[in-house]
Amino acid sequence: MYTSSLKEAQFKNIYNTAVEELEEVVVEELTDVGANSELIVYNDDHNTFDWVIQCFVEVIGHTFEQSEQLSLLVHYKGKAAVKTAPMNVLKPLKNELVNRGLSAVIESCD
């Protein structure tokens, strides 16, 4: 049979584990929402200017002119930050750009 001190110790262990997991989730959500990050797109040898511009217009919501300028920066500098926003905003944009064949990552602005 369990003693009351053993039951209490098990409860404390379960409680502390649950609290630690909850704290991790809260910290992650605060980091995702509050801190700005940059969506970086890298140059490659297989996507055309037209395709990259179309992706920037459709996925990120930039104007044609903004998208054209960014595609030139990506081409000539090797990479460019195409959007700055909280991580939770950038994640789906990055995923969609990658699904369309672009090389994209998210970097912290810190």
C-alpha atoms as a PDB file:
ATOM      1  CA  MET A   1       0.000   0.000   0.000  1.00  0.00           C
ATOM      2  CA  TYR A   2       0.998   3.587  -0.613  1.00  0.00           C
ATOM      3  CA  THR A   3       1.814   5.756   2.278  1.00  0.00           C
ATOM      4  CA  SER A   4       0.415   9.243   2.362  1.00  0.00           C
ATOM      5  CA  SER A   5       3.895  10.752   1.941  1.00  0.00           C
ATOM      6  CA  LEU A   6       4.495   8.626  -1.187  1.00  0.00           C
ATOM      7  CA  LYS A   7       1.141   9.699  -2.650  1.00  0.00           C
ATOM      8  CA  GLU A   8       1.975  13.307  -1.825  1.00  0.00           C
ATOM      9  CA  ALA A   9       5.395  13.030  -3.482  1.00  0.00           C
ATOM     10  CA  GLN A  10       3.840  11.513  -6.634  1.00  0.00           C
ATOM     11  CA  PHE A  11       1.241  14.261  -6.751  1.00  0.00           C
ATOM     12  CA  LYS A  12       3.927  16.956  -6.367  1.00  0.00           C
ATOM     13  CA  ASN A  13       5.958  15.367  -9.164  1.00  0.00           C
ATOM     14  CA  ILE A  14       2.954  15.237 -11.515  1.00  0.00           C
ATOM     15  CA  TYR A  15       1.943  18.777 -10.554  1.00  0.00           C
ATOM     16  CA  ASN A  16       5.458  20.180 -11.060  1.00  0.00           C
ATOM     17  CA  THR A  17       5.773  18.459 -14.449  1.00  0.00           C
ATOM     18  CA  ALA A  18       2.427  19.887 -15.580  1.00  0.00           C
ATOM     19  CA  VAL A  19       3.385  23.382 -14.421  1.00  0.00           C
ATOM     20  CA  GLU A  20       6.760  23.186 -16.223  1.00  0.00           C
ATOM     21  CA  GLU A  21       5.074  22.079 -19.453  1.00  0.00           C
ATOM     22  CA  LEU A  22       2.514  24.877 -19.185  1.00  0.00           C
ATOM     23  CA  GLU A  23       5.276  27.433 -18.566  1.00  0.00           C
ATOM     24  CA  GLU A  24       7.112  26.219 -21.690  1.00  0.00           C
ATOM     25  CA  VAL A  25       3.964  26.646 -23.794  1.00  0.00           C
ATOM     26  CA  VAL A  26       3.281  30.124 -22.433  1.00  0.00           C
ATOM     27  CA  VAL A  27       6.877  31.245 -22.998  1.00  0.00           C
ATOM     28  CA  GLU A  28       6.832  29.835 -26.546  1.00  0.00           C
ATOM     29  CA  GLU A  29       3.534  31.585 -27.337  1.00  0.00           C
ATOM     30  CA  LEU A  30       4.782  34.888 -25.936  1.00  0.00           C
ATOM     31  CA  THR A  31       7.955  34.574 -27.981  1.00  0.00           C
ATOM     32  CA  ASP A  32       5.979  33.738 -31.114  1.00  0.00           C
ATOM     33  CA  VAL A  33       3.600  36.660 -30.735  1.00  0.00           C
ATOM     34  CA  GLY A  34       5.718  39.430 -29.278  1.00  0.00           C
ATOM     35  CA  ALA A  35       9.139  39.307 -30.856  1.00  0.00           C
ATOM     36  CA  ASN A  36       9.688  40.332 -34.447  1.00  0.00           C
ATOM     37  CA  SER A  37      11.484  38.009 -36.806  1.00  0.00           C
ATOM     38  CA  GLU A  38      12.470  38.227 -40.453  1.00  0.00           C
ATOM     39  CA  LEU A  39      11.371  36.033 -43.314  1.00  0.00           C
ATOM     40  CA  ILE A  40      14.511  35.533 -45.406  1.00  0.00           C
ATOM     41  CA  VAL A  41      14.416  34.258 -48.995  1.00  0.00           C
ATOM     42  CA  TYR A  42      17.587  32.898 -50.624  1.00  0.00           C
ATOM     43  CA  ASN A  43      18.606  33.009 -54.258  1.00  0.00           C
ATOM     44  CA  ASP A  44      18.580  29.782 -56.246  1.00  0.00           C
ATOM     45  CA  ASP A  45      19.266  28.631 -59.779  1.00  0.00           C
ATOM     46  CA  HIS A  46      15.872  27.201 -60.688  1.00  0.00           C
ATOM     47  CA  ASN A  47      13.119  29.755 -59.909  1.00  0.00           C
ATOM     48  CA  THR A  48      12.419  32.479 -62.451  1.00  0.00           C
ATOM     49  CA  PHE A  49      11.988  36.146 -61.570  1.00  0.00           C
ATOM     50  CA  ASP A  50       8.353  35.947 -62.659  1.00  0.00           C
ATOM     51  CA  TRP A  51       7.663  33.015 -60.335  1.00  0.00           C
ATOM     52  CA  VAL A  52       9.378  34.635 -57.338  1.00  0.00           C
ATOM     53  CA  ILE A  53       7.495  37.893 -57.932  1.00  0.00           C
ATOM     54  CA  GLN A  54       4.210  36.011 -58.213  1.00  0.00           C
ATOM     55  CA  CYS A  55       4.938  34.168 -54.945  1.00  0.00           C
ATOM     56  CA  PHE A  56       5.710  37.408 -53.116  1.00  0.00           C
ATOM     57  CA  VAL A  57       2.490  38.992 -54.388  1.00  0.00           C
ATOM     58  CA  GLU A  58       0.246  36.005 -53.640  1.00  0.00           C
ATOM     59  CA  VAL A  59       1.790  34.722 -50.411  1.00  0.00           C
ATOM     60  CA  ILE A  60       3.188  37.793 -48.676  1.00  0.00           C
ATOM     61  CA  GLY A  61       0.762  40.345 -50.104  1.00  0.00           C
ATOM     62  CA  HIS A  62       3.364  42.743 -51.479  1.00  0.00           C
ATOM     63  CA  THR A  63       2.619  44.916 -54.471  1.00  0.00           C
ATOM     64  CA  PHE A  64       4.086  43.938 -57.824  1.00  0.00           C
ATOM     65  CA  GLU A  65       6.675  46.717 -57.521  1.00  0.00           C
ATOM     66  CA  GLN A  66       7.747  45.652 -54.011  1.00  0.00           C
ATOM     67  CA  SER A  67       7.952  42.053 -55.140  1.00  0.00           C
ATOM     68  CA  GLU A  68      10.013  42.955 -58.184  1.00  0.00           C
ATOM     69  CA  GLN A  69      12.485  44.962 -56.082  1.00  0.00           C
ATOM     70  CA  LEU A  70      12.776  42.189 -53.508  1.00  0.00           C
ATOM     71  CA  SER A  71      13.382  39.579 -56.202  1.00  0.00           C
ATOM     72  CA  LEU A  72      16.268  41.708 -57.521  1.00  0.00           C
ATOM     73  CA  LEU A  73      17.725  42.007 -54.012  1.00  0.00           C
ATOM     74  CA  VAL A  74      17.469  38.245 -53.550  1.00  0.00           C
ATOM     75  CA  HIS A  75      19.151  37.666 -56.911  1.00  0.00           C
ATOM     76  CA  TYR A  76      22.035  40.113 -56.571  1.00  0.00           C
ATOM     77  CA  LYS A  77      22.704  39.892 -52.818  1.00  0.00           C
ATOM     78  CA  GLY A  78      22.003  36.170 -52.459  1.00  0.00           C
ATOM     79  CA  LYS A  79      19.227  36.700 -49.922  1.00  0.00           C
ATOM     80  CA  ALA A  80      16.819  39.328 -48.656  1.00  0.00           C
ATOM     81  CA  ALA A  81      14.455  39.876 -45.758  1.00  0.00           C
ATOM     82  CA  VAL A  82      11.065  39.983 -47.456  1.00  0.00           C
ATOM     83  CA  LYS A  83       8.897  40.531 -44.357  1.00  0.00           C
ATOM     84  CA  THR A  84       9.322  41.401 -40.688  1.00  0.00           C
ATOM     85  CA  ALA A  85       6.615  40.261 -38.275  1.00  0.00           C
ATOM     86  CA  PRO A  86       6.036  38.057 -35.240  1.00  0.00           C
ATOM     87  CA  MET A  87       7.012  34.409 -35.676  1.00  0.00           C
ATOM     88  CA  ASN A  88       3.401  33.176 -35.663  1.00  0.00           C
ATOM     89  CA  VAL A  89       2.653  35.412 -38.662  1.00  0.00           C
ATOM     90  CA  LEU A  90       5.753  34.376 -40.598  1.00  0.00           C
ATOM     91  CA  LYS A  91       5.540  30.589 -40.123  1.00  0.00           C
ATOM     92  CA  PRO A  92       2.646  29.975 -42.540  1.00  0.00           C
ATOM     93  CA  LEU A  93       4.141  32.392 -45.081  1.00  0.00           C
ATOM     94  CA  LYS A  94       7.496  30.614 -44.961  1.00  0.00           C
ATOM     95  CA  ASN A  95       5.831  27.230 -45.289  1.00  0.00           C
ATOM     96  CA  GLU A  96       3.873  28.360 -48.342  1.00  0.00           C
ATOM     97  CA  LEU A  97       6.963  29.837 -50.013  1.00  0.00           C
ATOM     98  CA  VAL A  98       8.839  26.585 -49.402  1.00  0.00           C
ATOM     99  CA  ASN A  99       5.880  24.599 -50.773  1.00  0.00           C
ATOM    100  CA  ARG A 100       6.154  26.714 -53.921  1.00  0.00           C
ATOM    101  CA  GLY A 101       9.843  25.836 -54.301  1.00  0.00           C
ATOM    102  CA  LEU A 102      11.527  28.904 -52.810  1.00  0.00           C
ATOM    103  CA  SER A 103      14.281  28.677 -50.236  1.00  0.00           C
ATOM    104  CA  ALA A 104      13.055  30.542 -47.155  1.00  0.00           C
ATOM    105  CA  VAL A 105      13.867  30.634 -43.449  1.00  0.00           C
ATOM    106  CA  ILE A 106      12.827  32.675 -40.431  1.00  0.00           C
ATOM    107  CA  GLU A 107      15.500  34.445 -38.390  1.00  0.00           C
ATOM    108  CA  SER A 108      15.134  36.300 -35.134  1.00  0.00           C
ATOM    109  CA  CYS A 109      15.760  40.049 -35.242  1.00  0.00           C
ATOM    110  CA  ASP A 110      17.669  39.930 -31.933  1.00  0.00           C
END
